[in-house]
Amino acid sequence: MDGLTDEQAAAVVAAMKDVTQHGLAAARHLRGEVYEVRAEVERQAFRILFARETTFILLSLSGFRKKRAKTPPDEIVLAESRLAEWRRRGRARMP
Protein backbone atom coordinates (compact mmCIF):
# COMPACT_ATOMS: atom_id res chain seq x y z
CA MET A 1 0.00 0.00 0.00
CA ASP A 2 2.92 2.35 0.64
CA GLY A 3 3.80 2.56 -3.05
CA LEU A 4 0.26 3.30 -4.24
CA THR A 5 -1.15 6.68 -5.14
CA ASP A 6 -4.03 7.97 -3.03
CA GLU A 7 -6.49 6.96 -5.77
CA GLN A 8 -5.04 3.45 -6.05
CA ALA A 9 -5.07 2.93 -2.28
CA ALA A 10 -8.66 4.18 -2.11
CA ALA A 11 -9.70 1.69 -4.80
CA VAL A 12 -8.08 -1.19 -2.91
CA VAL A 13 -9.75 -0.15 0.36
CA ALA A 14 -13.12 0.17 -1.41
CA ALA A 15 -12.74 -3.34 -2.85
CA MET A 16 -12.02 -4.77 0.60
CA LYS A 17 -14.99 -2.85 2.05
CA ASP A 18 -17.16 -4.46 -0.61
CA VAL A 19 -16.13 -7.87 0.72
CA THR A 20 -16.90 -6.85 4.31
CA GLN A 21 -20.35 -5.65 3.25
CA HIS A 22 -21.30 -8.43 0.80
CA GLY A 23 -19.26 -11.36 2.07
CA LEU A 24 -17.03 -13.70 0.14
CA ALA A 25 -19.41 -13.58 -2.82
CA ALA A 26 -17.73 -10.25 -3.65
CA ALA A 27 -14.36 -12.00 -3.96
CA ARG A 28 -12.92 -14.77 -6.08
CA HIS A 29 -11.93 -18.03 -4.38
CA LEU A 30 -8.43 -19.10 -5.41
CA ARG A 31 -7.46 -22.10 -3.31
CA GLY A 32 -8.05 -23.38 0.21
CA GLU A 33 -8.82 -20.38 2.38
CA VAL A 34 -7.26 -17.82 0.03
CA TYR A 35 -9.49 -15.38 -1.83
CA GLU A 36 -8.76 -12.55 -4.24
CA VAL A 37 -10.36 -9.13 -4.42
CA ARG A 38 -9.89 -6.92 -7.47
CA ALA A 39 -9.48 -3.18 -7.69
CA GLU A 40 -9.12 -1.21 -10.90
CA VAL A 41 -8.10 2.43 -11.14
CA GLU A 42 -6.15 4.57 -13.56
CA ARG A 43 -6.33 1.77 -16.18
CA GLN A 44 -4.40 -0.52 -13.83
CA ALA A 45 -5.57 -3.64 -12.03
CA PHE A 46 -4.59 -4.50 -8.47
CA ARG A 47 -5.20 -7.70 -6.54
CA ILE A 48 -5.26 -8.36 -2.82
CA LEU A 49 -5.10 -11.94 -1.61
CA PHE A 50 -6.73 -12.47 1.76
CA ALA A 51 -8.26 -14.98 4.14
CA ARG A 52 -11.31 -14.59 6.33
CA GLU A 53 -10.28 -15.05 9.95
CA THR A 54 -13.61 -14.22 11.57
CA THR A 55 -16.86 -12.63 10.52
CA PHE A 56 -15.26 -9.24 11.08
CA ILE A 57 -11.59 -9.84 10.20
CA LEU A 58 -10.20 -10.10 6.67
CA LEU A 59 -6.48 -10.83 6.83
CA SER A 60 -4.62 -9.32 3.86
CA LEU A 61 -1.85 -11.69 2.84
CA SER A 62 -0.45 -10.36 -0.43
CA GLY A 63 -1.02 -7.52 -2.85
CA PHE A 64 0.26 -6.85 -6.33
CA ARG A 65 -0.33 -5.04 -9.58
CA LYS A 66 -1.95 -7.42 -12.03
CA LYS A 67 -0.09 -7.77 -15.32
CA ARG A 68 -1.25 -11.17 -16.61
CA ALA A 69 -4.57 -12.91 -17.12
CA LYS A 70 -3.97 -15.44 -14.32
CA THR A 71 -3.02 -14.83 -10.72
CA PRO A 72 0.65 -15.84 -10.41
CA PRO A 73 0.92 -19.17 -8.57
CA ASP A 74 3.82 -17.86 -6.48
CA GLU A 75 1.53 -15.14 -5.07
CA ILE A 76 -0.95 -17.81 -3.95
CA VAL A 77 1.84 -19.84 -2.34
CA LEU A 78 3.10 -16.69 -0.59
CA ALA A 79 -0.40 -15.95 0.73
CA GLU A 80 -0.82 -19.52 2.02
CA SER A 81 2.58 -19.35 3.70
CA ARG A 82 1.76 -16.05 5.39
CA LEU A 83 -1.59 -17.39 6.59
CA ALA A 84 0.05 -20.48 8.07
CA GLU A 85 2.69 -18.33 9.80
CA TRP A 86 0.02 -15.95 11.17
CA ARG A 87 -1.88 -18.87 12.67
CA ARG A 88 1.27 -20.54 13.99
CA ARG A 89 2.23 -17.35 15.85
CA GLY A 90 -1.32 -17.02 17.21
CA ARG A 91 -1.25 -20.55 18.66
CA ALA A 92 2.18 -19.94 20.20
CA ARG A 93 0.76 -17.02 22.21
CA MET A 94 -2.16 -19.00 23.61
CA PRO A 95 -1.66 -20.41 27.13
C-alpha atoms as a PDB file:
ATOM      1  CA  MET A   1       0.000   0.000   0.000  1.00  0.00           C
ATOM      2  CA  ASP A   2       2.924   2.345   0.642  1.00  0.00           C
ATOM      3  CA  GLY A   3       3.803   2.559  -3.048  1.00  0.00           C
ATOM      4  CA  LEU A   4       0.264   3.297  -4.242  1.00  0.00           C
ATOM      5  CA  THR A   5      -1.151   6.677  -5.141  1.00  0.00           C
ATOM      6  CA  ASP A   6      -4.030   7.965  -3.029  1.00  0.00           C
ATOM      7  CA  GLU A   7      -6.489   6.964  -5.771  1.00  0.00           C
ATOM      8  CA  GLN A   8      -5.039   3.453  -6.050  1.00  0.00           C
ATOM      9  CA  ALA A   9      -5.067   2.929  -2.285  1.00  0.00           C
ATOM     10  CA  ALA A  10      -8.660   4.182  -2.107  1.00  0.00           C
ATOM     11  CA  ALA A  11      -9.704   1.693  -4.803  1.00  0.00           C
ATOM     12  CA  VAL A  12      -8.077  -1.191  -2.905  1.00  0.00           C
ATOM     13  CA  VAL A  13      -9.747  -0.146   0.360  1.00  0.00           C
ATOM     14  CA  ALA A  14     -13.119   0.173  -1.412  1.00  0.00           C
ATOM     15  CA  ALA A  15     -12.742  -3.338  -2.855  1.00  0.00           C
ATOM     16  CA  MET A  16     -12.017  -4.766   0.599  1.00  0.00           C
ATOM     17  CA  LYS A  17     -14.990  -2.852   2.052  1.00  0.00           C
ATOM     18  CA  ASP A  18     -17.161  -4.455  -0.612  1.00  0.00           C
ATOM     19  CA  VAL A  19     -16.133  -7.867   0.722  1.00  0.00           C
ATOM     20  CA  THR A  20     -16.899  -6.852   4.308  1.00  0.00           C
ATOM     21  CA  GLN A  21     -20.354  -5.653   3.249  1.00  0.00           C
ATOM     22  CA  HIS A  22     -21.301  -8.431   0.795  1.00  0.00           C
ATOM     23  CA  GLY A  23     -19.263 -11.360   2.075  1.00  0.00           C
ATOM     24  CA  LEU A  24     -17.030 -13.699   0.139  1.00  0.00           C
ATOM     25  CA  ALA A  25     -19.410 -13.580  -2.821  1.00  0.00           C
ATOM     26  CA  ALA A  26     -17.731 -10.245  -3.654  1.00  0.00           C
ATOM     27  CA  ALA A  27     -14.361 -11.998  -3.962  1.00  0.00           C
ATOM     28  CA  ARG A  28     -12.915 -14.771  -6.084  1.00  0.00           C
ATOM     29  CA  HIS A  29     -11.934 -18.032  -4.384  1.00  0.00           C
ATOM     30  CA  LEU A  30      -8.431 -19.097  -5.413  1.00  0.00           C
ATOM     31  CA  ARG A  31      -7.460 -22.103  -3.306  1.00  0.00           C
ATOM     32  CA  GLY A  32      -8.053 -23.382   0.208  1.00  0.00           C
ATOM     33  CA  GLU A  33      -8.820 -20.380   2.384  1.00  0.00           C
ATOM     34  CA  VAL A  34      -7.264 -17.824   0.034  1.00  0.00           C
ATOM     35  CA  TYR A  35      -9.493 -15.380  -1.832  1.00  0.00           C
ATOM     36  CA  GLU A  36      -8.762 -12.551  -4.235  1.00  0.00           C
ATOM     37  CA  VAL A  37     -10.358  -9.131  -4.419  1.00  0.00           C
ATOM     38  CA  ARG A  38      -9.888  -6.921  -7.468  1.00  0.00           C
ATOM     39  CA  ALA A  39      -9.479  -3.177  -7.687  1.00  0.00           C
ATOM     40  CA  GLU A  40      -9.117  -1.206 -10.895  1.00  0.00           C
ATOM     41  CA  VAL A  41      -8.100   2.427 -11.138  1.00  0.00           C
ATOM     42  CA  GLU A  42      -6.146   4.571 -13.563  1.00  0.00           C
ATOM     43  CA  ARG A  43      -6.326   1.767 -16.177  1.00  0.00           C
ATOM     44  CA  GLN A  44      -4.399  -0.515 -13.827  1.00  0.00           C
ATOM     45  CA  ALA A  45      -5.567  -3.638 -12.026  1.00  0.00           C
ATOM     46  CA  PHE A  46      -4.587  -4.503  -8.473  1.00  0.00           C
ATOM     47  CA  ARG A  47      -5.201  -7.701  -6.544  1.00  0.00           C
ATOM     48  CA  ILE A  48      -5.260  -8.356  -2.816  1.00  0.00           C
ATOM     49  CA  LEU A  49      -5.101 -11.943  -1.614  1.00  0.00           C
ATOM     50  CA  PHE A  50      -6.732 -12.472   1.759  1.00  0.00           C
ATOM     51  CA  ALA A  51      -8.262 -14.982   4.138  1.00  0.00           C
ATOM     52  CA  ARG A  52     -11.307 -14.586   6.328  1.00  0.00           C
ATOM     53  CA  GLU A  53     -10.279 -15.045   9.950  1.00  0.00           C
ATOM     54  CA  THR A  54     -13.615 -14.219  11.573  1.00  0.00           C
ATOM     55  CA  THR A  55     -16.862 -12.630  10.517  1.00  0.00           C
ATOM     56  CA  PHE A  56     -15.256  -9.240  11.075  1.00  0.00           C
ATOM     57  CA  ILE A  57     -11.594  -9.844  10.197  1.00  0.00           C
ATOM     58  CA  LEU A  58     -10.196 -10.099   6.669  1.00  0.00           C
ATOM     59  CA  LEU A  59      -6.478 -10.826   6.828  1.00  0.00           C
ATOM     60  CA  SER A  60      -4.618  -9.316   3.855  1.00  0.00           C
ATOM     61  CA  LEU A  61      -1.846 -11.689   2.842  1.00  0.00           C
ATOM     62  CA  SER A  62      -0.446 -10.358  -0.432  1.00  0.00           C
ATOM     63  CA  GLY A  63      -1.023  -7.519  -2.846  1.00  0.00           C
ATOM     64  CA  PHE A  64       0.261  -6.853  -6.330  1.00  0.00           C
ATOM     65  CA  ARG A  65      -0.335  -5.038  -9.578  1.00  0.00           C
ATOM     66  CA  LYS A  66      -1.953  -7.420 -12.027  1.00  0.00           C
ATOM     67  CA  LYS A  67      -0.094  -7.771 -15.318  1.00  0.00           C
ATOM     68  CA  ARG A  68      -1.251 -11.171 -16.614  1.00  0.00           C
ATOM     69  CA  ALA A  69      -4.572 -12.912 -17.119  1.00  0.00           C
ATOM     70  CA  LYS A  70      -3.973 -15.440 -14.320  1.00  0.00           C
ATOM     71  CA  THR A  71      -3.023 -14.825 -10.716  1.00  0.00           C
ATOM     72  CA  PRO A  72       0.651 -15.835 -10.409  1.00  0.00           C
ATOM     73  CA  PRO A  73       0.923 -19.175  -8.565  1.00  0.00           C
ATOM     74  CA  ASP A  74       3.824 -17.864  -6.476  1.00  0.00           C
ATOM     75  CA  GLU A  75       1.533 -15.142  -5.074  1.00  0.00           C
ATOM     76  CA  ILE A  76      -0.947 -17.810  -3.952  1.00  0.00           C
ATOM     77  CA  VAL A  77       1.842 -19.845  -2.339  1.00  0.00           C
ATOM     78  CA  LEU A  78       3.100 -16.689  -0.588  1.00  0.00           C
ATOM     79  CA  ALA A  79      -0.403 -15.945   0.731  1.00  0.00           C
ATOM     80  CA  GLU A  80      -0.818 -19.521   2.016  1.00  0.00           C
ATOM     81  CA  SER A  81       2.576 -19.355   3.704  1.00  0.00           C
ATOM     82  CA  ARG A  82       1.758 -16.046   5.393  1.00  0.00           C
ATOM     83  CA  LEU A  83      -1.594 -17.387   6.594  1.00  0.00           C
ATOM     84  CA  ALA A  84       0.054 -20.481   8.072  1.00  0.00           C
ATOM     85  CA  GLU A  85       2.691 -18.333   9.802  1.00  0.00           C
ATOM     86  CA  TRP A  86       0.024 -15.955  11.173  1.00  0.00           C
ATOM     87  CA  ARG A  87      -1.879 -18.867  12.673  1.00  0.00           C
ATOM     88  CA  ARG A  88       1.269 -20.544  13.990  1.00  0.00           C
ATOM     89  CA  ARG A  89       2.231 -17.350  15.852  1.00  0.00           C
ATOM     90  CA  GLY A  90      -1.316 -17.023  17.212  1.00  0.00           C
ATOM     91  CA  ARG A  91      -1.251 -20.553  18.658  1.00  0.00           C
ATOM     92  CA  ALA A  92       2.177 -19.938  20.196  1.00  0.00           C
ATOM     93  CA  ARG A  93       0.759 -17.019  22.214  1.00  0.00           C
ATOM     94  CA  MET A  94      -2.161 -19.003  23.610  1.00  0.00           C
ATOM     95  CA  PRO A  95      -1.656 -20.413  27.135  1.00  0.00           C
END
